[in-house]
Each structure stands twice: as C-alpha cells, then as structure tokens.
Amino acid sequence: MSKKQIKIIHLRQNCIGCNSCVENAPDNWEMSLTDGKANLKRAEENKGRFIAEICEIELEANKRAAADCPVGIIKIVNE
C-alpha cells in the first residue's frame, strides 16, 4: 500500500496579499517583499500554478489556510 501524497496548489497570480495563509500555516507560506503576494514555500511552478507536497502534520494548518483564503486560490489535494 503506497503512502498518500498531499499537495497544495496555489494560483498565485490571483493572490490579493491578505496574509491569512501565513497566519494559519507559517511553515508553508511567506509573504513576498517584492509584490506583496503569498509564496508557497518549496513549491514548483507549472503553468502559473505553484505546487508543493506537504506531510500529514502540515495538513490541518493548510486546510485552514485554504478555507480562510478570501479569493479561494489555495487547493489541497489528497492522492
């Protein structure tokens, strides 16, 4: 039985810089000093989507980050 992969998908171009993701999950998110938008740490960019794998321990904080995002641009995928 293979271990599930948990991924965060961030549509960064639509970020409004509200900081709620950083407040909920600072281990995975930081605010850019360049443009004021959120950066998903350890993410790889693919066609405008930033994708990072997280571990089970990080899941609840990132679910809160996704739920609190006022523009709904954070998705959690459990595969």
N, C-alpha and C. Protein backbone atom coordinates (compact mmCIF):
# COMPACT_ATOMS: atom_id res chain seq x y z
N MET A 1 0.85 -1.18 0.00
CA MET A 1 0.00 0.00 0.00
C MET A 1 0.89 1.24 0.00
N SER A 2 0.70 2.12 -0.95
CA SER A 2 1.54 3.30 -1.04
C SER A 2 0.99 4.42 -0.15
N LYS A 3 1.89 5.24 0.31
CA LYS A 3 1.53 6.37 1.16
C LYS A 3 0.87 7.46 0.31
N LYS A 4 -0.18 8.08 0.85
CA LYS A 4 -0.86 9.15 0.14
C LYS A 4 0.03 10.37 0.03
N GLN A 5 -0.06 11.03 -1.10
CA GLN A 5 0.62 12.30 -1.29
C GLN A 5 -0.37 13.42 -1.06
N ILE A 6 0.06 14.40 -0.30
CA ILE A 6 -0.78 15.57 -0.06
C ILE A 6 -0.10 16.74 -0.76
N LYS A 7 -0.86 17.42 -1.61
CA LYS A 7 -0.30 18.55 -2.35
C LYS A 7 -1.13 19.81 -2.10
N ILE A 8 -0.42 20.93 -2.12
CA ILE A 8 -1.07 22.23 -2.10
C ILE A 8 -0.89 22.82 -3.49
N ILE A 9 -1.96 23.36 -4.03
CA ILE A 9 -1.90 24.05 -5.31
C ILE A 9 -2.29 25.50 -5.06
N HIS A 10 -1.42 26.41 -5.49
CA HIS A 10 -1.63 27.84 -5.24
C HIS A 10 -1.66 28.56 -6.58
N LEU A 11 -2.75 29.27 -6.84
CA LEU A 11 -2.88 30.07 -8.06
C LEU A 11 -2.43 31.49 -7.72
N ARG A 12 -1.12 31.66 -7.66
CA ARG A 12 -0.51 32.86 -7.11
C ARG A 12 -0.90 34.15 -7.82
N GLN A 13 -1.11 34.12 -9.14
CA GLN A 13 -1.40 35.36 -9.87
C GLN A 13 -2.67 36.03 -9.35
N ASN A 14 -3.57 35.28 -8.73
CA ASN A 14 -4.82 35.84 -8.21
C ASN A 14 -4.74 36.23 -6.73
N CYS A 15 -3.58 36.08 -6.13
CA CYS A 15 -3.40 36.41 -4.71
C CYS A 15 -3.59 37.90 -4.48
N ILE A 16 -4.31 38.23 -3.40
CA ILE A 16 -4.52 39.64 -3.04
C ILE A 16 -3.65 40.08 -1.86
N GLY A 17 -2.82 39.17 -1.35
CA GLY A 17 -1.88 39.53 -0.29
C GLY A 17 -2.50 39.76 1.07
N CYS A 18 -3.55 39.03 1.41
CA CYS A 18 -4.25 39.26 2.69
C CYS A 18 -3.50 38.67 3.89
N ASN A 19 -2.56 37.75 3.66
CA ASN A 19 -1.71 37.18 4.71
C ASN A 19 -2.38 36.07 5.53
N SER A 20 -3.61 35.68 5.23
CA SER A 20 -4.26 34.66 6.06
C SER A 20 -3.58 33.30 5.95
N CYS A 21 -3.02 32.98 4.81
CA CYS A 21 -2.31 31.70 4.68
C CYS A 21 -1.08 31.67 5.58
N VAL A 22 -0.36 32.78 5.65
CA VAL A 22 0.83 32.87 6.50
C VAL A 22 0.43 32.76 7.97
N GLU A 23 -0.67 33.41 8.34
CA GLU A 23 -1.13 33.35 9.72
C GLU A 23 -1.54 31.93 10.12
N ASN A 24 -2.14 31.18 9.21
CA ASN A 24 -2.59 29.82 9.50
C ASN A 24 -1.49 28.77 9.40
N ALA A 25 -0.57 28.93 8.46
CA ALA A 25 0.44 27.89 8.20
C ALA A 25 1.79 28.53 7.85
N PRO A 26 2.42 29.20 8.83
CA PRO A 26 3.67 29.90 8.54
C PRO A 26 4.83 29.01 8.11
N ASP A 27 4.75 27.72 8.39
CA ASP A 27 5.80 26.81 7.94
C ASP A 27 5.76 26.59 6.42
N ASN A 28 4.61 26.87 5.82
CA ASN A 28 4.45 26.62 4.39
C ASN A 28 4.28 27.88 3.54
N TRP A 29 4.02 29.01 4.19
CA TRP A 29 3.71 30.23 3.46
C TRP A 29 4.55 31.40 3.95
N GLU A 30 4.84 32.33 3.04
CA GLU A 30 5.52 33.58 3.39
C GLU A 30 5.04 34.65 2.42
N MET A 31 5.13 35.88 2.86
CA MET A 31 4.73 36.99 2.00
C MET A 31 5.96 37.49 1.23
N SER A 32 5.77 37.79 -0.04
CA SER A 32 6.84 38.32 -0.87
C SER A 32 7.05 39.80 -0.56
N LEU A 33 8.29 40.17 -0.35
CA LEU A 33 8.61 41.58 -0.14
C LEU A 33 8.61 42.34 -1.47
N THR A 34 8.66 41.61 -2.58
CA THR A 34 8.70 42.22 -3.91
C THR A 34 7.33 42.70 -4.37
N ASP A 35 6.32 41.81 -4.30
CA ASP A 35 5.00 42.19 -4.83
C ASP A 35 3.85 42.07 -3.82
N GLY A 36 4.16 41.67 -2.58
CA GLY A 36 3.13 41.61 -1.54
C GLY A 36 2.19 40.42 -1.62
N LYS A 37 2.49 39.48 -2.51
CA LYS A 37 1.67 38.28 -2.63
C LYS A 37 2.29 37.15 -1.82
N ALA A 38 1.49 36.12 -1.56
CA ALA A 38 1.97 34.97 -0.79
C ALA A 38 2.81 34.06 -1.68
N ASN A 39 3.86 33.51 -1.08
CA ASN A 39 4.67 32.49 -1.72
C ASN A 39 4.47 31.17 -0.98
N LEU A 40 4.22 30.11 -1.72
CA LEU A 40 4.15 28.76 -1.17
C LEU A 40 5.57 28.22 -1.12
N LYS A 41 6.06 27.97 0.08
CA LYS A 41 7.44 27.50 0.24
C LYS A 41 7.60 26.11 -0.39
N ARG A 42 8.78 25.85 -0.90
CA ARG A 42 9.16 24.56 -1.50
C ARG A 42 8.30 24.19 -2.71
N ALA A 43 7.68 25.18 -3.34
CA ALA A 43 6.78 24.90 -4.47
C ALA A 43 7.52 24.94 -5.80
N GLU A 44 7.00 24.17 -6.73
CA GLU A 44 7.47 24.22 -8.11
C GLU A 44 6.35 24.82 -8.95
N GLU A 45 6.72 25.68 -9.88
CA GLU A 45 5.74 26.35 -10.74
C GLU A 45 5.48 25.52 -11.98
N ASN A 46 4.21 25.41 -12.34
CA ASN A 46 3.82 24.68 -13.54
C ASN A 46 2.62 25.41 -14.16
N LYS A 47 2.86 26.16 -15.23
CA LYS A 47 1.81 26.88 -15.96
C LYS A 47 1.00 27.80 -15.04
N GLY A 48 1.69 28.55 -14.20
CA GLY A 48 1.03 29.51 -13.33
C GLY A 48 0.50 28.94 -12.03
N ARG A 49 0.62 27.64 -11.86
CA ARG A 49 0.21 27.00 -10.61
C ARG A 49 1.46 26.63 -9.82
N PHE A 50 1.47 26.96 -8.56
CA PHE A 50 2.58 26.59 -7.69
C PHE A 50 2.14 25.40 -6.86
N ILE A 51 2.94 24.33 -6.90
CA ILE A 51 2.56 23.06 -6.28
C ILE A 51 3.66 22.62 -5.32
N ALA A 52 3.25 22.24 -4.11
CA ALA A 52 4.19 21.74 -3.11
C ALA A 52 3.59 20.52 -2.42
N GLU A 53 4.43 19.57 -2.09
CA GLU A 53 3.99 18.42 -1.30
C GLU A 53 4.16 18.76 0.17
N ILE A 54 3.19 18.34 0.97
CA ILE A 54 3.28 18.53 2.41
C ILE A 54 3.08 17.20 3.11
N CYS A 55 3.42 17.16 4.37
CA CYS A 55 3.23 15.93 5.15
C CYS A 55 1.93 16.03 5.95
N GLU A 56 1.53 14.92 6.50
CA GLU A 56 0.27 14.82 7.24
C GLU A 56 0.19 15.84 8.38
N ILE A 57 1.30 16.10 9.03
CA ILE A 57 1.34 17.04 10.16
C ILE A 57 0.97 18.45 9.71
N GLU A 58 1.29 18.80 8.48
CA GLU A 58 1.02 20.15 7.95
C GLU A 58 -0.39 20.30 7.39
N LEU A 59 -1.13 19.22 7.29
CA LEU A 59 -2.41 19.23 6.58
C LEU A 59 -3.45 20.13 7.23
N GLU A 60 -3.70 20.02 8.52
CA GLU A 60 -4.77 20.80 9.16
C GLU A 60 -4.54 22.30 9.04
N ALA A 61 -3.30 22.75 9.28
CA ALA A 61 -3.00 24.18 9.17
C ALA A 61 -3.25 24.68 7.76
N ASN A 62 -2.91 23.87 6.77
CA ASN A 62 -3.10 24.29 5.39
C ASN A 62 -4.56 24.19 4.94
N LYS A 63 -5.32 23.30 5.55
CA LYS A 63 -6.77 23.29 5.30
C LYS A 63 -7.39 24.59 5.80
N ARG A 64 -6.94 25.06 6.96
CA ARG A 64 -7.42 26.34 7.48
C ARG A 64 -7.01 27.48 6.56
N ALA A 65 -5.77 27.43 6.06
CA ALA A 65 -5.30 28.47 5.14
C ALA A 65 -6.18 28.50 3.89
N ALA A 66 -6.50 27.34 3.35
CA ALA A 66 -7.34 27.26 2.16
C ALA A 66 -8.74 27.78 2.45
N ALA A 67 -9.29 27.40 3.60
CA ALA A 67 -10.65 27.83 3.96
C ALA A 67 -10.73 29.33 4.19
N ASP A 68 -9.66 29.91 4.74
CA ASP A 68 -9.65 31.34 5.06
C ASP A 68 -9.29 32.23 3.88
N CYS A 69 -8.78 31.66 2.81
CA CYS A 69 -8.36 32.46 1.65
C CYS A 69 -9.59 33.13 1.04
N PRO A 70 -9.65 34.47 1.07
CA PRO A 70 -10.86 35.15 0.59
C PRO A 70 -11.10 35.04 -0.92
N VAL A 71 -10.06 34.68 -1.68
CA VAL A 71 -10.24 34.55 -3.13
C VAL A 71 -10.21 33.09 -3.59
N GLY A 72 -10.10 32.15 -2.64
CA GLY A 72 -10.21 30.72 -2.95
C GLY A 72 -9.17 30.18 -3.91
N ILE A 73 -7.91 30.61 -3.74
CA ILE A 73 -6.88 30.19 -4.70
C ILE A 73 -5.92 29.13 -4.14
N ILE A 74 -6.27 28.56 -2.98
CA ILE A 74 -5.46 27.51 -2.39
C ILE A 74 -6.28 26.22 -2.40
N LYS A 75 -5.74 25.18 -3.01
CA LYS A 75 -6.43 23.89 -3.06
C LYS A 75 -5.54 22.83 -2.41
N ILE A 76 -6.17 21.94 -1.65
CA ILE A 76 -5.46 20.83 -1.04
C ILE A 76 -5.91 19.56 -1.78
N VAL A 77 -4.95 18.78 -2.24
CA VAL A 77 -5.24 17.55 -2.97
C VAL A 77 -4.62 16.38 -2.22
N ASN A 78 -5.47 15.43 -1.84
CA ASN A 78 -5.04 14.21 -1.16
C ASN A 78 -5.11 13.07 -2.16
N GLU A 79 -3.98 12.54 -2.59
CA GLU A 79 -3.99 11.47 -3.60
C GLU A 79 -3.64 10.14 -2.98
